[in-house]
Amino acid sequence: MQGLGGLLPIIIMFVIFYFLLIRPQQKRNKERNAMLAAIKKGDRVVTIGGMHGTIQDITDDTLILKVSHNVHMTFDRGAVNSVSVVSPTKEVEETKNSKEELAAPAEETKS
């Protein structure tokens, strides 16, 4: 019984570490892997470095992001930090609004 009494604090510490550190980390890893597996063409993503873009092409380990009008960049799939799915109608509306802003004449102020 004395041997078990000496190991009890170590066992309790391991259980506490498991529930406070190891288990939550495993859960976050599982959620991240599910998110990375579910990304598809047309999703808007933010990379770990903060680059925002829309997925134009995707393979098993890389993806090509459209960052600007004619700017496409290649990233590893693991570089994706978050995903927001954009419906095609919303994307069309955003493009239409940005074109209207560019076409609108600049207002001149008179001093």
C-alpha atoms as a PDB file:
ATOM      1  CA  MET A   1       0.000   0.000   0.000  1.00  0.00           C
ATOM      2  CA  GLN A   2       2.901   2.336   0.669  1.00  0.00           C
ATOM      3  CA  GLY A   3       4.102   2.057  -2.946  1.00  0.00           C
ATOM      4  CA  LEU A   4       0.660   3.046  -4.242  1.00  0.00           C
ATOM      5  CA  GLY A   5       0.592   6.025  -1.856  1.00  0.00           C
ATOM      6  CA  GLY A   6       3.829   7.343  -3.366  1.00  0.00           C
ATOM      7  CA  LEU A   7       2.540   7.011  -6.939  1.00  0.00           C
ATOM      8  CA  LEU A   8      -0.874   8.548  -6.256  1.00  0.00           C
ATOM      9  CA  PRO A   9       0.242  12.225  -6.603  1.00  0.00           C
ATOM     10  CA  ILE A  10       1.971  11.443  -9.905  1.00  0.00           C
ATOM     11  CA  ILE A  11      -1.129   9.664 -11.227  1.00  0.00           C
ATOM     12  CA  ILE A  12      -3.351  12.570 -10.162  1.00  0.00           C
ATOM     13  CA  MET A  13      -1.022  15.072 -11.900  1.00  0.00           C
ATOM     14  CA  PHE A  14      -1.084  13.002 -15.104  1.00  0.00           C
ATOM     15  CA  VAL A  15      -4.907  12.894 -15.048  1.00  0.00           C
ATOM     16  CA  ILE A  16      -5.074  16.671 -14.522  1.00  0.00           C
ATOM     17  CA  PHE A  17      -2.620  17.291 -17.384  1.00  0.00           C
ATOM     18  CA  TYR A  18      -4.614  14.975 -19.626  1.00  0.00           C
ATOM     19  CA  PHE A  19      -7.912  16.793 -19.082  1.00  0.00           C
ATOM     20  CA  LEU A  20      -6.455  20.324 -19.095  1.00  0.00           C
ATOM     21  CA  LEU A  21      -3.822  20.071 -21.848  1.00  0.00           C
ATOM     22  CA  ILE A  22      -3.752  16.892 -23.906  1.00  0.00           C
ATOM     23  CA  ARG A  23      -7.468  16.288 -24.525  1.00  0.00           C
ATOM     24  CA  PRO A  24      -8.334  19.875 -25.610  1.00  0.00           C
ATOM     25  CA  GLN A  25      -5.336  19.910 -27.979  1.00  0.00           C
ATOM     26  CA  GLN A  26      -6.450  16.629 -29.567  1.00  0.00           C
ATOM     27  CA  LYS A  27      -9.949  18.067 -30.012  1.00  0.00           C
ATOM     28  CA  ARG A  28      -8.594  21.222 -31.716  1.00  0.00           C
ATOM     29  CA  ASN A  29      -6.409  19.098 -34.017  1.00  0.00           C
ATOM     30  CA  LYS A  30      -9.382  16.934 -34.985  1.00  0.00           C
ATOM     31  CA  GLU A  31     -11.520  20.021 -35.770  1.00  0.00           C
ATOM     32  CA  ARG A  32      -8.704  21.606 -37.815  1.00  0.00           C
ATOM     33  CA  ASN A  33      -8.142  18.419 -39.825  1.00  0.00           C
ATOM     34  CA  ALA A  34     -11.878  18.212 -40.533  1.00  0.00           C
ATOM     35  CA  MET A  35     -11.883  21.864 -41.668  1.00  0.00           C
ATOM     36  CA  LEU A  36      -8.882  21.306 -43.955  1.00  0.00           C
ATOM     37  CA  ALA A  37     -10.484  18.185 -45.438  1.00  0.00           C
ATOM     38  CA  ALA A  38     -13.740  20.043 -46.121  1.00  0.00           C
ATOM     39  CA  ILE A  39     -12.324  23.052 -47.987  1.00  0.00           C
ATOM     40  CA  LYS A  40     -13.327  23.291 -51.631  1.00  0.00           C
ATOM     41  CA  LYS A  41     -13.008  25.533 -54.642  1.00  0.00           C
ATOM     42  CA  GLY A  42     -14.725  28.883 -54.134  1.00  0.00           C
ATOM     43  CA  ASP A  43     -14.283  29.043 -50.346  1.00  0.00           C
ATOM     44  CA  ARG A  44     -12.840  32.245 -48.921  1.00  0.00           C
ATOM     45  CA  VAL A  45      -9.934  31.498 -46.616  1.00  0.00           C
ATOM     46  CA  VAL A  46      -7.444  33.267 -44.386  1.00  0.00           C
ATOM     47  CA  THR A  47      -3.948  31.801 -44.177  1.00  0.00           C
ATOM     48  CA  ILE A  48      -1.862  31.566 -41.028  1.00  0.00           C
ATOM     49  CA  GLY A  49       0.098  34.583 -42.284  1.00  0.00           C
ATOM     50  CA  GLY A  50      -3.085  36.658 -42.649  1.00  0.00           C
ATOM     51  CA  MET A  51      -3.468  36.468 -46.453  1.00  0.00           C
ATOM     52  CA  HIS A  52      -7.131  36.603 -47.515  1.00  0.00           C
ATOM     53  CA  GLY A  53      -8.213  34.953 -50.755  1.00  0.00           C
ATOM     54  CA  THR A  54     -10.596  32.707 -52.643  1.00  0.00           C
ATOM     55  CA  ILE A  55      -9.616  29.153 -53.539  1.00  0.00           C
ATOM     56  CA  GLN A  56      -9.278  28.821 -57.325  1.00  0.00           C
ATOM     57  CA  ASP A  57      -7.741  25.341 -57.517  1.00  0.00           C
ATOM     58  CA  ILE A  58      -7.046  22.672 -54.935  1.00  0.00           C
ATOM     59  CA  THR A  59      -4.999  19.463 -54.826  1.00  0.00           C
ATOM     60  CA  ASP A  60      -4.238  16.986 -52.057  1.00  0.00           C
ATOM     61  CA  ASP A  61      -1.511  19.116 -50.478  1.00  0.00           C
ATOM     62  CA  THR A  62      -1.636  22.570 -52.133  1.00  0.00           C
ATOM     63  CA  LEU A  63      -4.165  25.202 -53.077  1.00  0.00           C
ATOM     64  CA  ILE A  64      -4.118  28.238 -55.320  1.00  0.00           C
ATOM     65  CA  LEU A  65      -5.663  31.381 -53.876  1.00  0.00           C
ATOM     66  CA  LYS A  66      -6.961  34.293 -55.888  1.00  0.00           C
ATOM     67  CA  VAL A  67      -5.794  37.233 -53.815  1.00  0.00           C
ATOM     68  CA  SER A  68      -6.598  40.056 -56.221  1.00  0.00           C
ATOM     69  CA  HIS A  69      -7.885  40.499 -59.779  1.00  0.00           C
ATOM     70  CA  ASN A  70      -4.946  38.812 -61.535  1.00  0.00           C
ATOM     71  CA  VAL A  71      -2.932  37.672 -58.526  1.00  0.00           C
ATOM     72  CA  HIS A  72      -2.868  33.946 -57.770  1.00  0.00           C
ATOM     73  CA  MET A  73      -0.679  32.467 -55.036  1.00  0.00           C
ATOM     74  CA  THR A  74       0.082  28.843 -54.156  1.00  0.00           C
ATOM     75  CA  PHE A  75      -0.053  27.718 -50.518  1.00  0.00           C
ATOM     76  CA  ASP A  76       0.195  24.451 -48.652  1.00  0.00           C
ATOM     77  CA  ARG A  77      -3.154  23.180 -47.473  1.00  0.00           C
ATOM     78  CA  GLY A  78      -1.892  23.344 -43.888  1.00  0.00           C
ATOM     79  CA  ALA A  79      -1.364  27.106 -44.199  1.00  0.00           C
ATOM     80  CA  VAL A  80      -5.124  27.713 -44.036  1.00  0.00           C
ATOM     81  CA  ASN A  81      -6.182  29.201 -40.708  1.00  0.00           C
ATOM     82  CA  SER A  82      -9.915  29.707 -41.231  1.00  0.00           C
ATOM     83  CA  VAL A  83     -12.569  29.189 -43.899  1.00  0.00           C
ATOM     84  CA  SER A  84     -15.745  31.117 -44.695  1.00  0.00           C
ATOM     85  CA  VAL A  85     -18.014  29.693 -47.365  1.00  0.00           C
ATOM     86  CA  VAL A  86     -19.298  32.287 -49.826  1.00  0.00           C
ATOM     87  CA  SER A  87     -22.467  31.623 -51.756  1.00  0.00           C
ATOM     88  CA  PRO A  88     -22.213  32.340 -55.511  1.00  0.00           C
ATOM     89  CA  THR A  89     -24.929  35.020 -55.344  1.00  0.00           C
ATOM     90  CA  LYS A  90     -23.093  36.889 -52.589  1.00  0.00           C
ATOM     91  CA  GLU A  91     -19.851  36.757 -54.585  1.00  0.00           C
ATOM     92  CA  VAL A  92     -21.623  38.155 -57.668  1.00  0.00           C
ATOM     93  CA  GLU A  93     -23.103  40.971 -55.562  1.00  0.00           C
ATOM     94  CA  GLU A  94     -19.657  41.817 -54.126  1.00  0.00           C
ATOM     95  CA  THR A  95     -18.151  41.935 -57.629  1.00  0.00           C
ATOM     96  CA  LYS A  96     -21.031  44.084 -58.864  1.00  0.00           C
ATOM     97  CA  ASN A  97     -20.650  46.505 -55.936  1.00  0.00           C
ATOM     98  CA  SER A  98     -16.893  46.835 -56.430  1.00  0.00           C
ATOM     99  CA  LYS A  99     -17.398  47.550 -60.153  1.00  0.00           C
ATOM    100  CA  GLU A 100     -19.988  50.218 -59.317  1.00  0.00           C
ATOM    101  CA  GLU A 101     -17.574  51.848 -56.864  1.00  0.00           C
ATOM    102  CA  LEU A 102     -14.850  51.935 -59.510  1.00  0.00           C
ATOM    103  CA  ALA A 103     -17.222  53.319 -62.150  1.00  0.00           C
ATOM    104  CA  ALA A 104     -18.653  56.062 -59.910  1.00  0.00           C
ATOM    105  CA  PRO A 105     -17.040  59.433 -60.652  1.00  0.00           C
ATOM    106  CA  ALA A 106     -15.053  60.985 -57.859  1.00  0.00           C
ATOM    107  CA  GLU A 107     -16.787  63.917 -56.222  1.00  0.00           C
ATOM    108  CA  GLU A 108     -14.818  67.122 -56.309  1.00  0.00           C
ATOM    109  CA  THR A 109     -14.912  69.416 -53.335  1.00  0.00           C
ATOM    110  CA  LYS A 110     -14.622  73.150 -53.788  1.00  0.00           C
ATOM    111  CA  SER A 111     -12.804  75.164 -51.169  1.00  0.00           C
END
